[in-house]
Amino acid sequence: MTLSRHQREKDLNEVIAARRAAAVKLREALALIDAAKRKLTYNKSDAIVFDLKQIYEQLKETTETLEDPEFDPTL
């Protein structure tokens, strides 16, 4: 069974909206991690700061992928 053109467009728009919503939430998470990182750096918690930096970079990469208009969400 093939989907109608209208249904495919609707599905694609839903995917794009979901990706954008996910990117917004990840940006919020990045801001929280960045704030925690600053506070922990001030308190000299180097091991935790290192872990947070790794998590931050992974989330940042995922967020950039979600926000990339060239990325095809159907693949």
PDB file of N, CA and C in Angstrom:
ATOM      1  N   MET A   1       0.840  -1.174   0.000  1.00  0.00           N
ATOM      2  CA  MET A   1       0.000   0.000   0.000  1.00  0.00           C
ATOM      3  C   MET A   1       0.890   1.244   0.000  1.00  0.00           C
ATOM      4  N   THR A   2       0.657   2.124  -0.927  1.00  0.00           N
ATOM      5  CA  THR A   2       1.438   3.351  -1.000  1.00  0.00           C
ATOM      6  C   THR A   2       0.649   4.500  -0.388  1.00  0.00           C
ATOM      7  N   LEU A   3       1.390   5.398   0.181  1.00  0.00           N
ATOM      8  CA  LEU A   3       0.759   6.567   0.794  1.00  0.00           C
ATOM      9  C   LEU A   3       0.501   7.634  -0.263  1.00  0.00           C
ATOM     10  N   SER A   4      -0.525   8.391  -0.044  1.00  0.00           N
ATOM     11  CA  SER A   4      -0.820   9.495  -0.955  1.00  0.00           C
ATOM     12  C   SER A   4       0.237  10.587  -0.789  1.00  0.00           C
ATOM     13  N   ARG A   5       0.340  11.415  -1.777  1.00  0.00           N
ATOM     14  CA  ARG A   5       1.300  12.520  -1.725  1.00  0.00           C
ATOM     15  C   ARG A   5       1.019  13.399  -0.509  1.00  0.00           C
ATOM     16  N   HIS A   6      -0.232  13.662  -0.265  1.00  0.00           N
ATOM     17  CA  HIS A   6      -0.625  14.484   0.884  1.00  0.00           C
ATOM     18  C   HIS A   6      -0.170  13.834   2.195  1.00  0.00           C
ATOM     19  N   GLN A   7      -0.361  12.524   2.319  1.00  0.00           N
ATOM     20  CA  GLN A   7       0.026  11.824   3.545  1.00  0.00           C
ATOM     21  C   GLN A   7       1.545  11.824   3.713  1.00  0.00           C
ATOM     22  N   ARG A   8       2.283  11.648   2.610  1.00  0.00           N
ATOM     23  CA  ARG A   8       3.751  11.683   2.687  1.00  0.00           C
ATOM     24  C   ARG A   8       4.229  13.059   3.138  1.00  0.00           C
ATOM     25  N   GLU A   9       3.631  14.120   2.592  1.00  0.00           N
ATOM     26  CA  GLU A   9       4.001  15.481   2.992  1.00  0.00           C
ATOM     27  C   GLU A   9       3.673  15.715   4.463  1.00  0.00           C
ATOM     28  N   LYS A  10       2.518  15.239   4.886  1.00  0.00           N
ATOM     29  CA  LYS A  10       2.111  15.386   6.287  1.00  0.00           C
ATOM     30  C   LYS A  10       3.087  14.644   7.198  1.00  0.00           C
ATOM     31  N   ASP A  11       3.443  13.418   6.822  1.00  0.00           N
ATOM     32  CA  ASP A  11       4.386  12.630   7.615  1.00  0.00           C
ATOM     33  C   ASP A  11       5.743  13.314   7.692  1.00  0.00           C
ATOM     34  N   LEU A  12       6.209  13.840   6.562  1.00  0.00           N
ATOM     35  CA  LEU A  12       7.493  14.528   6.535  1.00  0.00           C
ATOM     36  C   LEU A  12       7.460  15.764   7.428  1.00  0.00           C
ATOM     37  N   ASN A  13       6.381  16.527   7.368  1.00  0.00           N
ATOM     38  CA  ASN A  13       6.248  17.710   8.222  1.00  0.00           C
ATOM     39  C   ASN A  13       6.238  17.332   9.694  1.00  0.00           C
ATOM     40  N   GLU A  14       5.606  16.215  10.029  1.00  0.00           N
ATOM     41  CA  GLU A  14       5.592  15.748  11.417  1.00  0.00           C
ATOM     42  C   GLU A  14       6.990  15.344  11.872  1.00  0.00           C
ATOM     43  N   VAL A  15       7.733  14.696  10.990  1.00  0.00           N
ATOM     44  CA  VAL A  15       9.107  14.299  11.315  1.00  0.00           C
ATOM     45  C   VAL A  15       9.965  15.531  11.546  1.00  0.00           C
ATOM     46  N   ILE A  16       9.837  16.506  10.668  1.00  0.00           N
ATOM     47  CA  ILE A  16      10.621  17.732  10.801  1.00  0.00           C
ATOM     48  C   ILE A  16      10.262  18.456  12.094  1.00  0.00           C
ATOM     49  N   ALA A  17       8.983  18.545  12.414  1.00  0.00           N
ATOM     50  CA  ALA A  17       8.552  19.198  13.659  1.00  0.00           C
ATOM     51  C   ALA A  17       9.090  18.453  14.873  1.00  0.00           C
ATOM     52  N   ALA A  18       9.071  17.138  14.840  1.00  0.00           N
ATOM     53  CA  ALA A  18       9.585  16.343  15.962  1.00  0.00           C
ATOM     54  C   ALA A  18      11.086  16.545  16.121  1.00  0.00           C
ATOM     55  N   ARG A  19      11.807  16.605  15.014  1.00  0.00           N
ATOM     56  CA  ARG A  19      13.255  16.833  15.079  1.00  0.00           C
ATOM     57  C   ARG A  19      13.555  18.210  15.662  1.00  0.00           C
ATOM     58  N   ARG A  20      12.794  19.204  15.245  1.00  0.00           N
ATOM     59  CA  ARG A  20      13.009  20.558  15.777  1.00  0.00           C
ATOM     60  C   ARG A  20      12.701  20.614  17.269  1.00  0.00           C
ATOM     61  N   ALA A  21      11.634  19.951  17.685  1.00  0.00           N
ATOM     62  CA  ALA A  21      11.283  19.912  19.110  1.00  0.00           C
ATOM     63  C   ALA A  21      12.377  19.208  19.905  1.00  0.00           C
ATOM     64  N   ALA A  22      12.908  18.138  19.358  1.00  0.00           N
ATOM     65  CA  ALA A  22      13.994  17.419  20.031  1.00  0.00           C
ATOM     66  C   ALA A  22      15.230  18.305  20.133  1.00  0.00           C
ATOM     67  N   ALA A  23      15.524  19.050  19.081  1.00  0.00           N
ATOM     68  CA  ALA A  23      16.676  19.948  19.098  1.00  0.00           C
ATOM     69  C   ALA A  23      16.515  21.028  20.163  1.00  0.00           C
ATOM     70  N   VAL A  24      15.314  21.547  20.322  1.00  0.00           N
ATOM     71  CA  VAL A  24      15.054  22.559  21.354  1.00  0.00           C
ATOM     72  C   VAL A  24      15.323  21.974  22.743  1.00  0.00           C
ATOM     73  N   LYS A  25      14.831  20.764  22.985  1.00  0.00           N
ATOM     74  CA  LYS A  25      15.049  20.121  24.287  1.00  0.00           C
ATOM     75  C   LYS A  25      16.533  19.852  24.518  1.00  0.00           C
ATOM     76  N   LEU A  26      17.243  19.440  23.477  1.00  0.00           N
ATOM     77  CA  LEU A  26      18.676  19.201  23.622  1.00  0.00           C
ATOM     78  C   LEU A  26      19.422  20.497  23.897  1.00  0.00           C
ATOM     79  N   ARG A  27      18.994  21.591  23.275  1.00  0.00           N
ATOM     80  CA  ARG A  27      19.613  22.899  23.567  1.00  0.00           C
ATOM     81  C   ARG A  27      19.406  23.268  25.043  1.00  0.00           C
ATOM     82  N   GLU A  28      18.226  22.976  25.570  1.00  0.00           N
ATOM     83  CA  GLU A  28      17.964  23.230  26.989  1.00  0.00           C
ATOM     84  C   GLU A  28      18.879  22.371  27.855  1.00  0.00           C
ATOM     85  N   ALA A  29      19.053  21.113  27.484  1.00  0.00           N
ATOM     86  CA  ALA A  29      19.944  20.220  28.226  1.00  0.00           C
ATOM     87  C   ALA A  29      21.383  20.718  28.149  1.00  0.00           C
ATOM     88  N   LEU A  30      21.791  21.196  26.983  1.00  0.00           N
ATOM     89  CA  LEU A  30      23.144  21.731  26.832  1.00  0.00           C
ATOM     90  C   LEU A  30      23.366  22.925  27.751  1.00  0.00           C
ATOM     91  N   ALA A  31      22.382  23.783  27.863  1.00  0.00           N
ATOM     92  CA  ALA A  31      22.502  24.950  28.744  1.00  0.00           C
ATOM     93  C   ALA A  31      22.642  24.513  30.201  1.00  0.00           C
ATOM     94  N   LEU A  32      21.868  23.508  30.606  1.00  0.00           N
ATOM     95  CA  LEU A  32      21.968  23.003  31.980  1.00  0.00           C
ATOM     96  C   LEU A  32      23.332  22.378  32.241  1.00  0.00           C
ATOM     97  N   ILE A  33      23.823  21.602  31.290  1.00  0.00           N
ATOM     98  CA  ILE A  33      25.134  20.969  31.447  1.00  0.00           C
ATOM     99  C   ILE A  33      26.222  22.026  31.505  1.00  0.00           C
ATOM    100  N   ASP A  34      26.107  23.046  30.672  1.00  0.00           N
ATOM    101  CA  ASP A  34      27.099  24.116  30.670  1.00  0.00           C
ATOM    102  C   ASP A  34      27.123  24.843  32.013  1.00  0.00           C
ATOM    103  N   ALA A  35      25.958  25.102  32.576  1.00  0.00           N
ATOM    104  CA  ALA A  35      25.891  25.760  33.889  1.00  0.00           C
ATOM    105  C   ALA A  35      26.503  24.871  34.970  1.00  0.00           C
ATOM    106  N   ALA A  36      26.200  23.584  34.922  1.00  0.00           N
ATOM    107  CA  ALA A  36      26.770  22.651  35.903  1.00  0.00           C
ATOM    108  C   ALA A  36      28.282  22.570  35.744  1.00  0.00           C
ATOM    109  N   LYS A  37      28.732  22.575  34.502  1.00  0.00           N
ATOM    110  CA  LYS A  37      30.165  22.507  34.223  1.00  0.00           C
ATOM    111  C   LYS A  37      30.894  23.713  34.819  1.00  0.00           C
ATOM    112  N   ARG A  38      30.309  24.895  34.647  1.00  0.00           N
ATOM    113  CA  ARG A  38      30.928  26.110  35.202  1.00  0.00           C
ATOM    114  C   ARG A  38      31.002  26.040  36.724  1.00  0.00           C
ATOM    115  N   LYS A  39      29.908  25.595  37.339  1.00  0.00           N
ATOM    116  CA  LYS A  39      29.882  25.510  38.797  1.00  0.00           C
ATOM    117  C   LYS A  39      30.887  24.475  39.301  1.00  0.00           C
ATOM    118  N   LEU A  40      30.952  23.330  38.637  1.00  0.00           N
ATOM    119  CA  LEU A  40      31.878  22.281  39.057  1.00  0.00           C
ATOM    120  C   LEU A  40      33.328  22.677  38.803  1.00  0.00           C
ATOM    121  N   THR A  41      33.584  23.430  37.740  1.00  0.00           N
ATOM    122  CA  THR A  41      34.940  23.912  37.481  1.00  0.00           C
ATOM    123  C   THR A  41      35.373  24.839  38.608  1.00  0.00           C
ATOM    124  N   TYR A  42      34.462  25.682  39.035  1.00  0.00           N
ATOM    125  CA  TYR A  42      34.741  26.595  40.147  1.00  0.00           C
ATOM    126  C   TYR A  42      35.059  25.812  41.417  1.00  0.00           C
ATOM    127  N   ASN A  43      34.388  24.679  41.610  1.00  0.00           N
ATOM    128  CA  ASN A  43      34.598  23.850  42.803  1.00  0.00           C
ATOM    129  C   ASN A  43      35.691  22.805  42.614  1.00  0.00           C
ATOM    130  N   LYS A  44      36.410  22.869  41.501  1.00  0.00           N
ATOM    131  CA  LYS A  44      37.547  21.981  41.217  1.00  0.00           C
ATOM    132  C   LYS A  44      37.167  20.505  41.134  1.00  0.00           C
ATOM    133  N   SER A  45      36.036  20.198  40.551  1.00  0.00           N
ATOM    134  CA  SER A  45      35.589  18.810  40.369  1.00  0.00           C
ATOM    135  C   SER A  45      35.968  18.356  38.956  1.00  0.00           C
ATOM    136  N   ASP A  46      37.260  18.174  38.739  1.00  0.00           N
ATOM    137  CA  ASP A  46      37.781  17.940  37.391  1.00  0.00           C
ATOM    138  C   ASP A  46      37.257  16.669  36.724  1.00  0.00           C
ATOM    139  N   ALA A  47      37.146  15.572  37.448  1.00  0.00           N
ATOM    140  CA  ALA A  47      36.696  14.309  36.847  1.00  0.00           C
ATOM    141  C   ALA A  47      35.264  14.436  36.329  1.00  0.00           C
ATOM    142  N   ILE A  48      34.416  15.072  37.111  1.00  0.00           N
ATOM    143  CA  ILE A  48      33.022  15.244  36.699  1.00  0.00           C
ATOM    144  C   ILE A  48      32.938  16.221  35.532  1.00  0.00           C
ATOM    145  N   VAL A  49      33.738  17.273  35.573  1.00  0.00           N
ATOM    146  CA  VAL A  49      33.750  18.245  34.478  1.00  0.00           C
ATOM    147  C   VAL A  49      34.165  17.562  33.178  1.00  0.00           C
ATOM    148  N   PHE A  50      35.144  16.669  33.243  1.00  0.00           N
ATOM    149  CA  PHE A  50      35.571  15.936  32.049  1.00  0.00           C
ATOM    150  C   PHE A  50      34.422  15.114  31.476  1.00  0.00           C
ATOM    151  N   ASP A  51      33.710  14.392  32.345  1.00  0.00           N
ATOM    152  CA  ASP A  51      32.555  13.602  31.901  1.00  0.00           C
ATOM    153  C   ASP A  51      31.480  14.500  31.291  1.00  0.00           C
ATOM    154  N   LEU A  52      31.215  15.629  31.929  1.00  0.00           N
ATOM    155  CA  LEU A  52      30.208  16.553  31.404  1.00  0.00           C
ATOM    156  C   LEU A  52      30.612  17.120  30.045  1.00  0.00           C
ATOM    157  N   LYS A  53      31.904  17.378  29.873  1.00  0.00           N
ATOM    158  CA  LYS A  53      32.369  17.878  28.575  1.00  0.00           C
ATOM    159  C   LYS A  53      32.113  16.854  27.477  1.00  0.00           C
ATOM    160  N   GLN A  54      32.347  15.576  27.780  1.00  0.00           N
ATOM    161  CA  GLN A  54      32.093  14.529  26.787  1.00  0.00           C
ATOM    162  C   GLN A  54      30.604  14.448  26.455  1.00  0.00           C
ATOM    163  N   ILE A  55      29.773  14.454  27.478  1.00  0.00           N
ATOM    164  CA  ILE A  55      28.321  14.409  27.272  1.00  0.00           C
ATOM    165  C   ILE A  55      27.873  15.635  26.483  1.00  0.00           C
ATOM    166  N   TYR A  56      28.405  16.784  26.845  1.00  0.00           N
ATOM    167  CA  TYR A  56      28.057  18.038  26.176  1.00  0.00           C
ATOM    168  C   TYR A  56      28.374  17.958  24.684  1.00  0.00           C
ATOM    169  N   GLU A  57      29.556  17.477  24.351  1.00  0.00           N
ATOM    170  CA  GLU A  57      29.956  17.393  22.945  1.00  0.00           C
ATOM    171  C   GLU A  57      29.082  16.416  22.165  1.00  0.00           C
ATOM    172  N   GLN A  58      28.718  15.297  22.779  1.00  0.00           N
ATOM    173  CA  GLN A  58      27.842  14.333  22.109  1.00  0.00           C
ATOM    174  C   GLN A  58      26.457  14.936  21.862  1.00  0.00           C
ATOM    175  N   LEU A  59      25.921  15.610  22.872  1.00  0.00           N
ATOM    176  CA  LEU A  59      24.614  16.249  22.709  1.00  0.00           C
ATOM    177  C   LEU A  59      24.668  17.368  21.673  1.00  0.00           C
ATOM    178  N   LYS A  60      25.753  18.108  21.679  1.00  0.00           N
ATOM    179  CA  LYS A  60      25.909  19.203  20.721  1.00  0.00           C
ATOM    180  C   LYS A  60      25.922  18.659  19.294  1.00  0.00           C
ATOM    181  N   GLU A  61      26.641  17.569  19.079  1.00  0.00           N
ATOM    182  CA  GLU A  61      26.698  16.962  17.749  1.00  0.00           C
ATOM    183  C   GLU A  61      25.315  16.467  17.315  1.00  0.00           C
ATOM    184  N   THR A  62      24.604  15.831  18.223  1.00  0.00           N
ATOM    185  CA  THR A  62      23.256  15.349  17.916  1.00  0.00           C
ATOM    186  C   THR A  62      22.328  16.518  17.607  1.00  0.00           C
ATOM    187  N   THR A  63      22.430  17.574  18.389  1.00  0.00           N
ATOM    188  CA  THR A  63      21.597  18.759  18.181  1.00  0.00           C
ATOM    189  C   THR A  63      21.871  19.387  16.820  1.00  0.00           C
ATOM    190  N   GLU A  64      23.140  19.494  16.465  1.00  0.00           N
ATOM    191  CA  GLU A  64      23.487  20.074  15.167  1.00  0.00           C
ATOM    192  C   GLU A  64      22.934  19.231  14.023  1.00  0.00           C
ATOM    193  N   THR A  65      22.965  17.918  14.187  1.00  0.00           N
ATOM    194  CA  THR A  65      22.396  17.033  13.167  1.00  0.00           C
ATOM    195  C   THR A  65      20.898  17.256  13.049  1.00  0.00           C
ATOM    196  N   LEU A  66      20.216  17.361  14.178  1.00  0.00           N
ATOM    197  CA  LEU A  66      18.768  17.569  14.160  1.00  0.00           C
ATOM    198  C   LEU A  66      18.388  18.913  13.550  1.00  0.00           C
ATOM    199  N   GLU A  67      19.231  19.902  13.750  1.00  0.00           N
ATOM    200  CA  GLU A  67      18.936  21.246  13.252  1.00  0.00           C
ATOM    201  C   GLU A  67      19.382  21.465  11.804  1.00  0.00           C
ATOM    202  N   ASP A  68      20.151  20.540  11.262  1.00  0.00           N
ATOM    203  CA  ASP A  68      20.694  20.690   9.915  1.00  0.00           C
ATOM    204  C   ASP A  68      19.589  20.557   8.867  1.00  0.00           C
ATOM    205  N   PRO A  69      19.294  21.635   8.136  1.00  0.00           N
ATOM    206  CA  PRO A  69      18.223  21.561   7.137  1.00  0.00           C
ATOM    207  C   PRO A  69      18.585  20.662   5.952  1.00  0.00           C
ATOM    208  N   GLU A  70      19.858  20.381   5.755  1.00  0.00           N
ATOM    209  CA  GLU A  70      20.300  19.528   4.655  1.00  0.00           C
ATOM    210  C   GLU A  70      20.158  18.047   4.986  1.00  0.00           C
ATOM    211  N   PHE A  71      20.025  17.729   6.263  1.00  0.00           N
ATOM    212  CA  PHE A  71      19.907  16.332   6.678  1.00  0.00           C
ATOM    213  C   PHE A  71      18.522  15.819   6.318  1.00  0.00           C
ATOM    214  N   ASP A  72      18.466  14.710   5.621  1.00  0.00           N
ATOM    215  CA  ASP A  72      17.187  14.152   5.178  1.00  0.00           C
ATOM    216  C   ASP A  72      16.616  13.255   6.273  1.00  0.00           C
ATOM    217  N   PRO A  73      15.534  13.666   6.914  1.00  0.00           N
ATOM    218  CA  PRO A  73      14.976  12.880   8.018  1.00  0.00           C
ATOM    219  C   PRO A  73      14.358  11.555   7.585  1.00  0.00           C
ATOM    220  N   THR A  74      14.206  11.353   6.295  1.00  0.00           N
ATOM    221  CA  THR A  74      13.591  10.104   5.839  1.00  0.00           C
ATOM    222  C   THR A  74      14.607   8.994   5.639  1.00  0.00           C
ATOM    223  N   LEU A  75      15.896   9.304   5.758  1.00  0.00           N
ATOM    224  CA  LEU A  75      16.924   8.271   5.576  1.00  0.00           C
ATOM    225  C   LEU A  75      17.215   7.548   6.858  1.00  0.00           C
TER     226      LEU A  75
END
